N, C-alpha and C. Protein backbone atom coordinates (compact mmCIF):
# COMPACT_ATOMS: atom_id res chain seq x y z
N UNK A 1 121.74 81.30 99.86
CA UNK A 1 122.07 80.27 100.76
C UNK A 1 120.87 80.17 101.91
N UNK A 2 120.24 79.04 102.14
CA UNK A 2 119.17 78.88 102.62
C UNK A 2 119.68 77.79 103.80
N UNK A 3 119.46 77.76 105.11
CA UNK A 3 119.46 76.77 106.05
C UNK A 3 118.31 76.42 106.64
N UNK A 4 117.95 74.92 106.81
CA UNK A 4 116.78 74.67 107.81
C UNK A 4 117.34 74.12 109.03
N UNK A 5 116.51 74.71 110.05
CA UNK A 5 116.75 74.55 111.56
C UNK A 5 115.49 74.30 112.26
N UNK A 6 115.64 73.45 113.38
CA UNK A 6 114.49 73.56 114.25
C UNK A 6 114.80 74.43 115.38
N UNK A 7 113.62 75.22 115.90
CA UNK A 7 113.95 76.58 116.79
C UNK A 7 113.10 76.08 118.16
N UNK A 8 114.04 76.26 119.10
CA UNK A 8 113.65 76.18 120.42
C UNK A 8 113.68 77.44 121.08
N UNK A 9 112.44 78.16 121.40
CA UNK A 9 112.41 79.37 122.09
C UNK A 9 112.80 78.86 123.47
N UNK A 10 113.50 79.86 124.01
CA UNK A 10 113.83 79.87 125.35
C UNK A 10 113.52 81.08 126.05
N UNK A 11 112.15 81.11 126.29
CA UNK A 11 111.34 82.19 126.87
C UNK A 11 111.83 82.75 128.09
N UNK A 12 112.58 82.15 129.09
CA UNK A 12 113.05 82.77 130.13
C UNK A 12 114.13 83.70 129.97
N UNK A 13 115.25 83.40 128.83
CA UNK A 13 116.18 83.96 128.41
C UNK A 13 116.11 84.98 127.49
N UNK A 14 114.77 84.65 126.81
CA UNK A 14 114.60 85.89 125.56
C UNK A 14 115.36 85.56 124.26
N UNK A 15 115.50 84.29 124.07
CA UNK A 15 116.30 83.82 123.04
C UNK A 15 115.67 82.58 122.22
N UNK A 16 116.08 82.37 121.08
CA UNK A 16 115.74 81.22 120.46
C UNK A 16 116.96 80.44 119.84
N UNK A 17 116.66 79.26 120.29
CA UNK A 17 117.96 78.33 119.85
C UNK A 17 117.76 77.75 118.63
N UNK A 18 118.55 77.44 117.55
CA UNK A 18 118.53 76.99 116.45
C UNK A 18 119.20 75.78 116.18
N UNK A 19 118.83 74.46 115.97
CA UNK A 19 119.44 73.32 115.96
C UNK A 19 119.26 72.66 114.70
N UNK A 20 120.16 72.11 114.17
CA UNK A 20 120.03 71.42 112.66
C UNK A 20 119.40 69.95 112.82
N UNK A 21 118.69 69.52 112.01
CA UNK A 21 118.21 68.16 111.90
C UNK A 21 116.78 68.20 112.45
N UNK A 22 116.13 66.82 112.21
CA UNK A 22 114.78 67.13 112.71
C UNK A 22 114.82 66.38 114.18
N UNK A 23 113.81 66.94 114.81
CA UNK A 23 113.93 66.37 116.40
C UNK A 23 112.47 65.30 116.17
N UNK A 24 112.98 64.45 116.95
CA UNK A 24 112.22 63.19 116.95
C UNK A 24 110.97 63.43 117.85
N UNK A 25 110.95 64.19 119.05
CA UNK A 25 110.09 64.56 119.82
C UNK A 25 108.96 65.81 119.42
N UNK A 26 109.52 66.27 118.12
CA UNK A 26 108.94 67.34 117.50
C UNK A 26 108.52 68.59 118.58
N UNK A 27 109.31 68.80 119.38
CA UNK A 27 109.10 69.95 120.53
C UNK A 27 109.48 71.30 119.71
N UNK A 28 110.09 71.43 118.65
CA UNK A 28 110.31 72.72 118.02
C UNK A 28 109.81 72.99 116.74
N UNK A 29 109.80 74.06 116.16
CA UNK A 29 109.05 74.46 114.99
C UNK A 29 110.39 74.79 114.06
N UNK A 30 110.12 74.00 112.90
CA UNK A 30 111.27 73.91 111.95
C UNK A 30 111.34 75.34 111.12
N UNK A 31 112.42 75.69 111.04
CA UNK A 31 112.36 77.38 109.93
C UNK A 31 113.34 77.27 109.05
N UNK A 32 112.98 78.22 108.28
CA UNK A 32 114.27 78.46 107.29
C UNK A 32 114.99 79.69 107.57
N UNK A 33 116.30 79.69 107.48
CA UNK A 33 117.18 80.85 107.72
C UNK A 33 117.97 81.21 106.35
N UNK A 34 118.03 82.25 105.80
CA UNK A 34 118.32 82.68 104.58
C UNK A 34 119.27 84.09 104.37
N UNK A 35 120.09 84.02 103.55
CA UNK A 35 120.91 85.31 103.47
C UNK A 35 120.09 86.34 102.77
N UNK A 36 120.16 87.48 103.22
CA UNK A 36 119.46 88.84 102.94
C UNK A 36 119.70 89.20 101.47
N UNK A 37 118.80 89.39 100.53
CA UNK A 37 119.09 89.99 99.37
C UNK A 37 118.91 91.88 99.57
N UNK A 38 118.86 92.39 98.06
CA UNK A 38 118.92 93.93 98.47
C UNK A 38 117.65 94.23 98.76
N UNK A 39 116.60 93.56 98.68
CA UNK A 39 114.89 93.94 99.10
C UNK A 39 114.84 93.79 100.34
N UNK A 40 115.78 93.00 100.96
CA UNK A 40 115.51 92.88 102.38
C UNK A 40 116.35 93.33 103.37
N UNK A 41 117.45 94.16 102.65
CA UNK A 41 118.72 94.53 103.77
C UNK A 41 117.94 95.74 104.63
N UNK A 42 117.20 96.27 104.20
CA UNK A 42 116.66 97.61 104.76
C UNK A 42 115.68 97.28 106.11
N UNK A 43 115.14 96.02 106.12
CA UNK A 43 114.04 95.62 106.81
C UNK A 43 114.78 95.45 108.43
N UNK A 44 114.09 95.75 109.66
CA UNK A 44 114.54 95.47 111.06
C UNK A 44 114.46 93.86 111.31
N UNK A 45 115.25 93.55 112.40
CA UNK A 45 115.36 92.07 112.75
C UNK A 45 114.08 91.53 113.14
N UNK A 46 113.62 90.53 112.81
CA UNK A 46 112.38 89.94 113.48
C UNK A 46 111.58 89.26 111.84
N UNK A 47 110.42 88.98 112.02
CA UNK A 47 109.67 88.37 111.07
C UNK A 47 109.51 89.03 109.81
N UNK A 48 109.58 88.54 108.64
CA UNK A 48 109.36 89.30 107.69
C UNK A 48 107.87 89.66 107.31
N UNK A 49 107.61 90.79 106.61
CA UNK A 49 106.25 91.24 106.46
C UNK A 49 105.37 89.96 105.64
N UNK A 50 104.06 89.87 105.88
CA UNK A 50 103.52 88.68 104.86
C UNK A 50 103.18 89.23 103.57
N UNK A 51 104.33 89.06 102.76
CA UNK A 51 104.09 89.54 101.31
C UNK A 51 104.50 88.16 100.44
N UNK A 52 103.72 88.30 99.28
CA UNK A 52 103.98 87.12 98.40
C UNK A 52 105.34 87.45 97.73
N UNK A 53 105.54 88.53 97.16
CA UNK A 53 106.65 88.82 96.35
C UNK A 53 107.59 89.79 97.19
N UNK A 54 108.58 89.33 97.57
CA UNK A 54 109.46 90.15 98.18
C UNK A 54 110.06 91.51 97.73
N UNK A 55 110.13 91.54 96.48
CA UNK A 55 110.20 93.01 95.71
C UNK A 55 109.49 93.80 96.06
N UNK A 56 108.20 93.58 96.67
CA UNK A 56 107.03 94.61 96.93
C UNK A 56 107.81 95.46 98.17
N UNK A 57 108.73 94.95 98.64
CA UNK A 57 109.29 95.75 99.97
C UNK A 57 110.88 96.37 99.29
N UNK A 58 111.09 96.41 98.38
CA UNK A 58 112.33 96.96 97.64
C UNK A 58 112.24 98.46 97.60
N UNK A 59 112.97 98.98 98.38
CA UNK A 59 112.88 100.54 98.11
C UNK A 59 113.51 101.11 96.77
N UNK A 60 114.16 100.41 96.15
CA UNK A 60 114.35 100.86 94.68
C UNK A 60 113.09 100.96 93.68
N UNK A 61 112.08 100.07 94.08
CA UNK A 61 110.76 100.00 93.10
C UNK A 61 109.84 100.91 93.50
N UNK A 62 109.83 101.72 94.85
CA UNK A 62 108.53 102.28 95.22
C UNK A 62 108.13 103.35 94.65
N UNK A 63 108.99 104.08 93.70
CA UNK A 63 108.76 105.29 92.59
C UNK A 63 107.80 104.42 91.39
N UNK A 64 108.25 103.41 91.15
CA UNK A 64 107.80 102.55 90.19
C UNK A 64 106.30 102.07 90.47
N UNK A 65 105.98 101.73 91.58
CA UNK A 65 104.83 101.29 92.29
C UNK A 65 103.80 102.38 92.35
N UNK A 66 104.39 103.52 92.37
CA UNK A 66 103.51 105.02 92.67
C UNK A 66 103.37 105.62 91.17
N UNK A 67 103.83 104.99 90.37
CA UNK A 67 103.66 105.62 88.89
C UNK A 67 102.29 105.35 88.29
N UNK A 68 101.87 106.26 88.08
CA UNK A 68 100.48 106.22 87.27
C UNK A 68 100.51 105.60 85.99
N UNK A 69 101.70 105.87 85.09
CA UNK A 69 102.02 105.35 84.08
C UNK A 69 102.22 103.93 84.18
N UNK A 70 103.02 103.41 85.07
CA UNK A 70 103.04 102.03 85.37
C UNK A 70 101.96 101.28 85.86
N UNK A 71 101.12 101.95 86.59
CA UNK A 71 99.93 101.28 86.96
C UNK A 71 98.92 101.19 85.91
N UNK A 72 98.70 102.25 85.16
CA UNK A 72 97.91 101.87 83.82
C UNK A 72 98.30 101.03 82.99
N UNK A 73 99.72 100.53 82.87
CA UNK A 73 100.07 99.50 81.93
C UNK A 73 99.84 98.11 82.50
N UNK A 74 99.52 98.35 83.77
CA UNK A 74 99.15 96.76 84.55
C UNK A 74 97.51 96.72 84.29
N UNK A 75 96.95 97.73 83.96
CA UNK A 75 95.59 97.48 83.93
C UNK A 75 94.68 98.59 84.60
N UNK A 76 95.30 99.32 85.39
CA UNK A 76 94.72 100.27 86.06
C UNK A 76 93.67 100.01 87.17
N UNK A 77 92.78 101.13 87.41
CA UNK A 77 92.07 100.65 88.60
C UNK A 77 91.00 99.71 88.34
N UNK A 78 90.43 99.36 87.04
CA UNK A 78 89.39 98.63 86.80
C UNK A 78 89.76 97.04 87.25
N UNK A 79 91.32 97.07 86.86
CA UNK A 79 91.78 95.30 87.09
C UNK A 79 92.11 95.39 88.52
N UNK A 80 92.44 96.32 89.06
CA UNK A 80 92.98 96.33 90.74
C UNK A 80 91.64 95.99 91.30
N UNK A 81 90.49 96.54 90.88
CA UNK A 81 89.04 96.28 91.67
C UNK A 81 88.72 94.96 91.38
N UNK A 82 89.06 94.22 90.30
CA UNK A 82 88.83 92.63 90.02
C UNK A 82 89.80 92.02 91.15
N UNK A 83 91.04 92.43 91.02
CA UNK A 83 92.19 91.63 91.97
C UNK A 83 91.61 91.80 93.34
N UNK A 84 91.21 92.99 94.05
CA UNK A 84 90.89 92.80 95.60
C UNK A 84 89.68 91.99 95.84
N UNK A 85 88.74 91.95 94.66
CA UNK A 85 87.48 91.23 94.97
C UNK A 85 88.03 89.66 94.92
N UNK A 86 88.85 89.33 94.23
CA UNK A 86 89.43 88.05 94.11
C UNK A 86 89.94 87.52 95.54
N UNK A 87 90.52 88.73 96.45
CA UNK A 87 91.02 88.19 97.80
C UNK A 87 89.91 87.63 98.50
N UNK A 88 88.79 87.89 98.42
CA UNK A 88 87.46 87.06 99.01
C UNK A 88 87.54 87.27 100.34
N UNK A 89 87.95 88.43 101.02
CA UNK A 89 87.75 88.74 102.19
C UNK A 89 87.19 90.02 102.60
N UNK A 90 86.76 90.61 104.06
CA UNK A 90 86.95 91.99 104.22
C UNK A 90 88.28 92.37 104.72
N UNK A 91 88.87 93.29 104.44
CA UNK A 91 90.26 93.89 104.83
C UNK A 91 89.96 94.80 106.06
N UNK A 92 88.61 95.23 106.06
CA UNK A 92 88.64 96.32 107.36
C UNK A 92 88.45 95.68 108.65
N UNK A 93 87.42 94.92 109.00
CA UNK A 93 87.15 94.47 110.24
C UNK A 93 87.04 93.00 110.12
N UNK A 94 87.70 92.43 108.97
CA UNK A 94 87.36 90.91 108.97
C UNK A 94 86.22 90.18 109.14
N UNK A 95 85.04 90.70 108.69
CA UNK A 95 83.91 90.20 108.90
C UNK A 95 83.53 88.85 108.12
N UNK A 96 82.62 88.10 108.51
CA UNK A 96 82.37 86.96 107.74
C UNK A 96 81.05 86.87 106.51
N UNK A 97 80.93 88.19 106.19
CA UNK A 97 80.03 88.55 105.24
C UNK A 97 80.35 87.75 103.72
N UNK A 98 79.47 87.34 103.05
CA UNK A 98 79.48 86.76 101.73
C UNK A 98 79.97 87.54 100.60
N UNK A 99 79.46 88.66 100.70
CA UNK A 99 79.45 89.64 99.65
C UNK A 99 80.55 90.97 99.76
N UNK A 100 81.38 91.11 98.85
CA UNK A 100 82.44 91.91 98.90
C UNK A 100 82.29 92.99 97.78
N UNK A 101 82.76 94.26 98.28
CA UNK A 101 83.10 95.16 97.05
C UNK A 101 84.20 95.98 97.34
N UNK A 102 84.82 96.72 95.97
CA UNK A 102 86.17 97.33 96.08
C UNK A 102 85.87 98.85 96.71
N UNK A 103 86.69 99.39 97.46
CA UNK A 103 86.38 100.51 98.17
C UNK A 103 88.06 100.98 97.70
N UNK A 104 87.75 102.33 97.05
CA UNK A 104 88.95 102.84 96.61
C UNK A 104 89.52 103.99 98.04
N UNK A 105 90.73 104.08 98.19
CA UNK A 105 91.36 104.67 99.27
C UNK A 105 92.07 105.84 98.62
N UNK A 106 91.88 106.82 98.60
CA UNK A 106 92.64 108.10 98.05
C UNK A 106 93.12 107.61 96.81
N UNK A 107 94.71 107.91 96.47
CA UNK A 107 95.41 107.60 95.26
C UNK A 107 96.36 106.30 95.58
N UNK A 108 95.99 105.60 96.89
CA UNK A 108 96.78 104.75 97.04
C UNK A 108 96.64 103.32 96.26
N UNK A 109 95.40 103.14 96.20
CA UNK A 109 94.77 101.97 95.78
C UNK A 109 93.49 101.65 96.20
N UNK A 110 93.00 100.34 96.28
CA UNK A 110 91.62 99.91 96.56
C UNK A 110 92.02 98.61 97.57
N UNK A 111 90.60 98.55 98.46
CA UNK A 111 90.69 97.53 99.24
C UNK A 111 89.15 96.72 98.93
N UNK A 112 89.37 95.50 99.65
CA UNK A 112 88.19 94.56 99.43
C UNK A 112 87.08 94.96 100.93
N UNK A 113 86.19 95.22 100.75
CA UNK A 113 85.13 95.40 102.11
C UNK A 113 83.79 94.71 101.84
N UNK A 114 83.29 94.34 103.11
CA UNK A 114 82.02 93.88 102.92
C UNK A 114 81.01 95.32 102.75
N UNK A 115 79.68 94.98 102.43
CA UNK A 115 78.81 96.16 102.42
C UNK A 115 78.68 96.90 103.57
N UNK A 116 78.69 96.21 104.63
CA UNK A 116 78.38 96.83 106.02
C UNK A 116 79.65 97.98 106.17
N UNK A 117 80.75 97.23 105.91
CA UNK A 117 82.05 98.10 106.47
C UNK A 117 82.09 99.04 105.47
N UNK A 118 81.46 98.91 104.05
CA UNK A 118 81.77 100.02 103.21
C UNK A 118 80.94 101.32 103.27
N UNK A 119 79.71 100.93 104.09
CA UNK A 119 78.83 102.03 104.63
C UNK A 119 79.53 102.64 105.75
N UNK A 120 80.23 102.15 106.85
CA UNK A 120 80.88 102.72 107.77
C UNK A 120 82.11 103.35 107.20
N UNK A 121 82.64 103.00 106.22
CA UNK A 121 84.03 103.84 105.93
C UNK A 121 83.54 105.03 105.03
N UNK A 122 82.23 105.05 104.44
CA UNK A 122 82.01 106.06 103.70
C UNK A 122 81.39 107.43 104.52
N UNK A 123 81.30 107.04 105.96
CA UNK A 123 81.12 108.22 106.94
C UNK A 123 81.94 108.58 108.04
N UNK A 124 83.13 107.96 107.88
CA UNK A 124 84.12 108.13 108.94
C UNK A 124 85.35 108.30 107.98
N UNK A 125 86.37 109.02 108.93
CA UNK A 125 87.69 109.25 108.32
C UNK A 125 88.50 108.05 107.98
N UNK A 126 89.18 107.93 107.01
CA UNK A 126 89.74 106.41 106.55
C UNK A 126 91.28 106.65 107.40
N UNK A 127 91.70 105.49 108.33
CA UNK A 127 92.56 105.29 109.13
C UNK A 127 93.98 105.27 108.11
N UNK A 128 95.04 105.66 108.91
CA UNK A 128 96.14 105.53 107.82
C UNK A 128 96.71 104.40 107.65
N UNK A 129 96.39 103.42 108.56
CA UNK A 129 96.72 101.81 108.22
C UNK A 129 95.94 101.44 107.01
N UNK A 130 94.79 101.83 106.89
CA UNK A 130 94.01 101.20 105.76
C UNK A 130 94.58 101.65 104.44
N UNK A 131 94.91 102.84 104.46
CA UNK A 131 95.64 103.41 103.33
C UNK A 131 97.03 102.58 102.91
N UNK A 132 97.51 102.14 104.02
CA UNK A 132 98.82 101.24 103.77
C UNK A 132 98.28 99.99 103.12
N UNK A 133 97.29 99.48 103.80
CA UNK A 133 96.73 98.16 103.12
C UNK A 133 96.37 98.26 101.50
N UNK A 134 95.73 99.47 101.18
CA UNK A 134 95.38 99.84 99.96
C UNK A 134 96.49 100.02 99.10
N UNK A 135 97.64 100.56 99.40
CA UNK A 135 98.92 100.47 98.83
C UNK A 135 99.56 99.09 98.56
N UNK A 136 99.57 98.28 99.59
CA UNK A 136 100.03 97.13 99.47
C UNK A 136 99.12 96.31 98.41
N UNK A 137 97.88 96.44 98.37
CA UNK A 137 97.07 95.71 97.45
C UNK A 137 97.69 96.22 95.97
N UNK A 138 97.59 97.56 95.90
CA UNK A 138 98.13 98.24 94.59
C UNK A 138 99.36 97.26 94.20
N UNK A 139 100.45 97.34 94.90
CA UNK A 139 101.76 96.62 94.57
C UNK A 139 101.57 95.41 94.50
N UNK A 140 100.70 94.62 95.17
CA UNK A 140 100.70 92.88 95.10
C UNK A 140 100.03 92.71 93.69
N UNK A 141 98.90 93.53 93.05
CA UNK A 141 98.45 93.50 91.80
C UNK A 141 99.28 93.90 90.99
N UNK A 142 100.19 95.02 90.84
CA UNK A 142 101.13 95.09 89.98
C UNK A 142 102.35 94.32 89.54
N UNK A 143 102.65 93.68 90.85
CA UNK A 143 103.62 92.45 90.55
C UNK A 143 102.90 91.13 90.14
N UNK A 144 101.75 90.88 90.38
CA UNK A 144 100.89 89.82 89.74
C UNK A 144 100.87 89.97 88.29
N UNK A 145 100.56 91.27 87.81
CA UNK A 145 100.35 91.51 86.41
C UNK A 145 101.78 91.39 85.77
N UNK A 146 102.98 92.09 86.45
CA UNK A 146 104.05 91.86 85.90
C UNK A 146 104.62 90.46 85.59
N UNK A 147 104.11 89.46 86.40
CA UNK A 147 104.42 88.10 86.50
C UNK A 147 103.63 87.39 85.41
N UNK A 148 102.28 87.80 85.19
CA UNK A 148 101.37 87.41 84.10
C UNK A 148 102.10 87.85 82.67
N UNK A 149 102.64 89.01 82.46
CA UNK A 149 102.99 89.92 81.35
C UNK A 149 104.43 89.18 80.79
N UNK A 150 105.25 88.64 81.76
CA UNK A 150 106.61 88.18 81.49
C UNK A 150 106.46 86.68 81.52
N UNK A 151 105.28 85.97 81.57
CA UNK A 151 105.07 84.60 81.40
C UNK A 151 105.71 83.82 82.51
N UNK A 152 105.47 84.43 83.85
CA UNK A 152 105.93 83.58 84.83
C UNK A 152 104.87 83.17 85.75
N UNK A 153 104.55 82.03 86.46
CA UNK A 153 103.70 81.52 87.29
C UNK A 153 103.70 82.41 88.70
N UNK A 154 102.46 82.71 89.17
CA UNK A 154 102.15 83.57 90.25
C UNK A 154 103.13 83.24 91.46
N UNK A 155 103.52 81.92 91.66
CA UNK A 155 104.20 81.45 92.81
C UNK A 155 105.67 81.55 92.55
N UNK A 156 106.29 81.92 91.51
CA UNK A 156 107.52 82.21 91.56
C UNK A 156 107.93 83.63 92.09
N UNK A 157 109.10 83.81 92.73
CA UNK A 157 109.23 85.07 93.26
C UNK A 157 110.03 85.70 92.05
N UNK A 158 109.64 87.09 91.98
CA UNK A 158 110.07 87.96 90.82
C UNK A 158 111.50 88.47 91.32
N UNK A 159 112.64 88.96 90.57
CA UNK A 159 113.94 89.32 90.91
C UNK A 159 113.87 90.84 90.38
N UNK A 160 114.83 91.71 90.80
CA UNK A 160 115.34 92.82 90.35
C UNK A 160 115.33 92.62 88.97
N UNK A 161 116.00 91.68 88.37
CA UNK A 161 115.94 91.70 86.93
C UNK A 161 114.82 91.57 85.95
N UNK A 162 113.86 90.75 86.82
CA UNK A 162 112.55 90.43 86.11
C UNK A 162 111.82 91.79 85.85
N UNK A 163 111.98 92.41 86.88
CA UNK A 163 111.09 93.76 86.91
C UNK A 163 111.88 94.71 85.71
N UNK A 164 113.15 94.80 86.01
CA UNK A 164 113.82 95.64 85.06
C UNK A 164 113.50 95.33 83.47
N UNK A 165 113.43 93.97 83.19
CA UNK A 165 113.29 93.85 82.16
C UNK A 165 111.64 94.04 81.59
N UNK A 166 110.83 93.98 82.61
CA UNK A 166 109.30 94.68 82.40
C UNK A 166 109.45 95.87 82.03
N UNK A 167 110.08 96.72 82.61
CA UNK A 167 110.49 98.15 82.39
C UNK A 167 111.12 98.27 81.01
N UNK A 168 111.85 97.85 80.81
CA UNK A 168 112.42 97.80 79.53
C UNK A 168 111.51 97.83 78.37
N UNK A 169 110.60 96.51 78.53
CA UNK A 169 109.74 96.43 77.40
C UNK A 169 108.71 97.34 77.10
N UNK A 170 108.60 98.15 78.39
CA UNK A 170 107.44 99.13 78.20
C UNK A 170 107.96 100.50 78.31
N UNK A 171 109.35 100.74 78.07
CA UNK A 171 109.75 102.16 78.07
C UNK A 171 109.71 102.88 79.40
N UNK A 172 109.91 102.03 80.59
CA UNK A 172 109.81 102.69 81.91
C UNK A 172 111.19 103.00 82.55
N UNK A 173 112.12 102.77 81.88
CA UNK A 173 113.36 102.61 82.80
C UNK A 173 113.77 103.99 83.40
N UNK A 174 113.14 105.12 82.86
CA UNK A 174 113.35 106.56 83.50
C UNK A 174 112.62 106.57 84.88
N UNK A 175 111.81 105.38 85.18
CA UNK A 175 111.32 105.33 86.44
C UNK A 175 111.88 104.84 87.50
N UNK A 176 113.14 104.07 87.35
CA UNK A 176 114.07 103.57 88.05
C UNK A 176 114.75 104.48 88.74
N UNK A 177 115.18 104.31 89.89
CA UNK A 177 116.24 105.21 90.50
C UNK A 177 117.56 104.94 89.89
N UNK A 178 118.63 106.11 89.93
CA UNK A 178 120.00 105.95 89.12
C UNK A 178 120.83 104.86 90.01
N UNK A 179 120.53 104.82 91.34
CA UNK A 179 121.34 103.68 92.00
C UNK A 179 121.24 102.42 91.80
N UNK A 180 120.01 102.04 91.39
CA UNK A 180 119.48 100.63 90.73
C UNK A 180 120.18 100.45 89.42
N UNK A 181 120.22 101.51 88.58
CA UNK A 181 120.57 101.18 87.31
C UNK A 181 122.04 101.07 87.53
N UNK A 182 122.78 101.72 88.25
CA UNK A 182 124.15 101.42 88.01
C UNK A 182 124.34 100.17 88.80
N UNK A 183 123.64 99.64 89.56
CA UNK A 183 123.74 98.05 89.97
C UNK A 183 123.80 97.28 89.09
N UNK A 184 122.38 97.20 88.09
CA UNK A 184 122.01 96.31 87.03
C UNK A 184 122.96 96.24 86.17
N UNK A 185 123.23 97.74 85.85
CA UNK A 185 124.24 97.70 84.65
C UNK A 185 125.84 97.45 85.17
N UNK A 186 125.98 96.94 86.10
CA UNK A 186 127.41 97.05 86.70
C UNK A 186 128.30 98.11 86.67
N UNK A 187 127.73 99.18 87.04
CA UNK A 187 128.78 100.52 86.68
C UNK A 187 128.91 101.05 88.27
N UNK A 188 129.96 101.92 88.32
CA UNK A 188 130.17 102.51 89.45
C UNK A 188 129.84 103.74 89.44
N UNK A 189 129.28 104.60 90.29
CA UNK A 189 128.90 105.80 90.39
C UNK A 189 130.17 106.86 90.27
N UNK A 190 130.27 107.64 89.36
CA UNK A 190 131.31 108.50 89.37
C UNK A 190 131.57 109.34 90.52
N UNK A 191 132.87 109.53 90.88
CA UNK A 191 133.19 110.34 92.25
C UNK A 191 132.78 111.88 91.78
N UNK A 192 132.19 112.55 92.87
CA UNK A 192 131.68 113.96 92.83
C UNK A 192 132.82 114.84 92.53
N UNK A 193 133.95 114.56 93.30
CA UNK A 193 135.17 115.32 93.62
C UNK A 193 136.48 114.92 93.02
N UNK A 194 137.43 115.70 92.72
CA UNK A 194 138.59 115.07 92.43
C UNK A 194 139.41 116.15 91.39
N UNK A 195 140.56 115.57 90.81
CA UNK A 195 141.23 116.33 89.72
C UNK A 195 140.91 115.93 88.52
N UNK A 196 140.82 117.20 87.57
CA UNK A 196 140.22 117.03 86.41
C UNK A 196 141.10 115.80 85.53
N UNK A 197 142.16 115.82 85.62
CA UNK A 197 142.97 114.58 84.80
C UNK A 197 142.59 113.27 85.53
N UNK A 198 142.12 112.98 86.64
CA UNK A 198 141.64 111.77 87.02
C UNK A 198 139.96 111.27 86.50
N UNK A 199 139.38 112.36 85.84
CA UNK A 199 138.29 112.21 85.45
C UNK A 199 138.21 111.37 84.45
N UNK A 200 137.53 110.07 84.24
CA UNK A 200 137.51 109.35 82.97
C UNK A 200 136.22 109.42 82.41
N UNK A 201 135.99 109.85 81.02
CA UNK A 201 134.75 109.83 80.39
C UNK A 201 133.68 108.63 80.77
N UNK A 202 132.62 109.02 80.94
CA UNK A 202 131.62 108.26 81.30
C UNK A 202 130.12 108.49 80.90
N UNK A 203 129.11 107.20 80.66
CA UNK A 203 127.74 107.57 80.19
C UNK A 203 126.97 107.77 81.61
N UNK A 204 125.84 108.27 81.60
CA UNK A 204 124.99 108.24 82.45
C UNK A 204 123.97 106.80 82.35
N UNK A 205 123.43 106.45 83.39
CA UNK A 205 122.97 104.90 83.26
C UNK A 205 122.04 105.03 82.05
N UNK A 206 121.19 105.72 82.13
CA UNK A 206 120.11 105.49 80.98
C UNK A 206 120.81 105.76 79.58
N UNK A 207 121.79 106.64 79.58
CA UNK A 207 122.42 106.69 78.19
C UNK A 207 123.47 105.47 77.71
N UNK A 208 123.97 104.87 79.00
CA UNK A 208 124.52 103.66 78.68
C UNK A 208 123.65 102.66 78.20
N UNK A 209 122.35 102.38 78.93
CA UNK A 209 121.45 101.45 78.51
C UNK A 209 121.07 101.50 77.14
N UNK A 210 120.61 102.84 76.70
CA UNK A 210 120.24 103.14 75.51
C UNK A 210 121.52 102.72 74.41
N UNK A 211 122.77 102.96 74.64
CA UNK A 211 123.51 102.80 73.86
C UNK A 211 123.96 100.72 73.78
N UNK A 212 123.62 100.41 74.99
CA UNK A 212 123.73 98.90 74.65
C UNK A 212 122.44 98.17 74.08
N UNK A 213 121.48 98.93 74.28
CA UNK A 213 120.16 98.23 73.30
C UNK A 213 120.50 98.61 71.91
N UNK A 214 120.98 99.78 71.49
CA UNK A 214 120.94 100.07 70.11
C UNK A 214 122.28 98.95 69.55
N UNK A 215 123.12 98.64 70.47
CA UNK A 215 124.21 97.75 69.95
C UNK A 215 123.65 96.33 69.58
N UNK A 216 122.46 95.85 70.54
CA UNK A 216 122.11 94.74 70.43
C UNK A 216 121.04 94.75 69.10
N UNK A 217 120.30 95.88 68.86
CA UNK A 217 119.67 95.98 67.72
C UNK A 217 120.38 96.20 66.46
N UNK A 218 121.63 96.33 66.53
CA UNK A 218 122.23 96.55 65.34
C UNK A 218 123.04 95.08 65.38
N UNK A 219 123.10 94.43 66.19
CA UNK A 219 124.19 93.35 66.06
C UNK A 219 123.56 92.18 65.31
C-alpha cells in the first residue's frame, strides 16, 4: 500500500502534517508513504537511507553480501572496480576532479576517488565511515549484477524471492539464514521443547528445499 500526501512541516511544534490531494499554492512537498516490508522493519523512524535497492538493507542477506563465493559469482574485484569508476565521482572529499581511480578498502570493497584523494588515503588511516561506503558499493554492485543475471532492468526493485531464485541457480542456498528459508518456504520453526508425542516429523529448510527441487525435476 502506498499513499501520496502533501507534507506541511510545523517547525514550532516539531511535527509534520500530511494532507491528501494537491495544494494549489504549492506550499507543501508531496511525499509517498508506504507500508514497511521485511527489509525495512528493522530501520529506525525517519528518512530511509539513500539506496537504489531496498534489499541492500535486509539483515537476512548480509551474510550473502559478505560471502566471497557470492561476490566471485558476481564478477569479483575486477568488475567491482569497473562499477565504482562508473559512479563518476570522488567518494572521499567530493572533489571536482575529472579522473577517478578505484581504491580498495580492506575486505569490504572498493570506492571511487580522485588521484589527489587516493594519495592522501595511501598515507593515512582509513576512516570507519569510508569502510562502510566501500561495503555499500560492494552490495550495490552485487545487486546490480544479480538484476542483470536474472534478466531484470536496473531500475526495478528486487524482492527477497528474486535474490532467493538467484541463489538457487548458483547453489548458494546454504548462504541464507534459516529464518529466511522458513519464511520463503512457508514453514514454521519447530518448537525446541515439548512432549515427545507432540513432535511431528519435519524437514530442515535445506532438506525440504532439496526435496521440492527433486520433485520438480522428476515431475
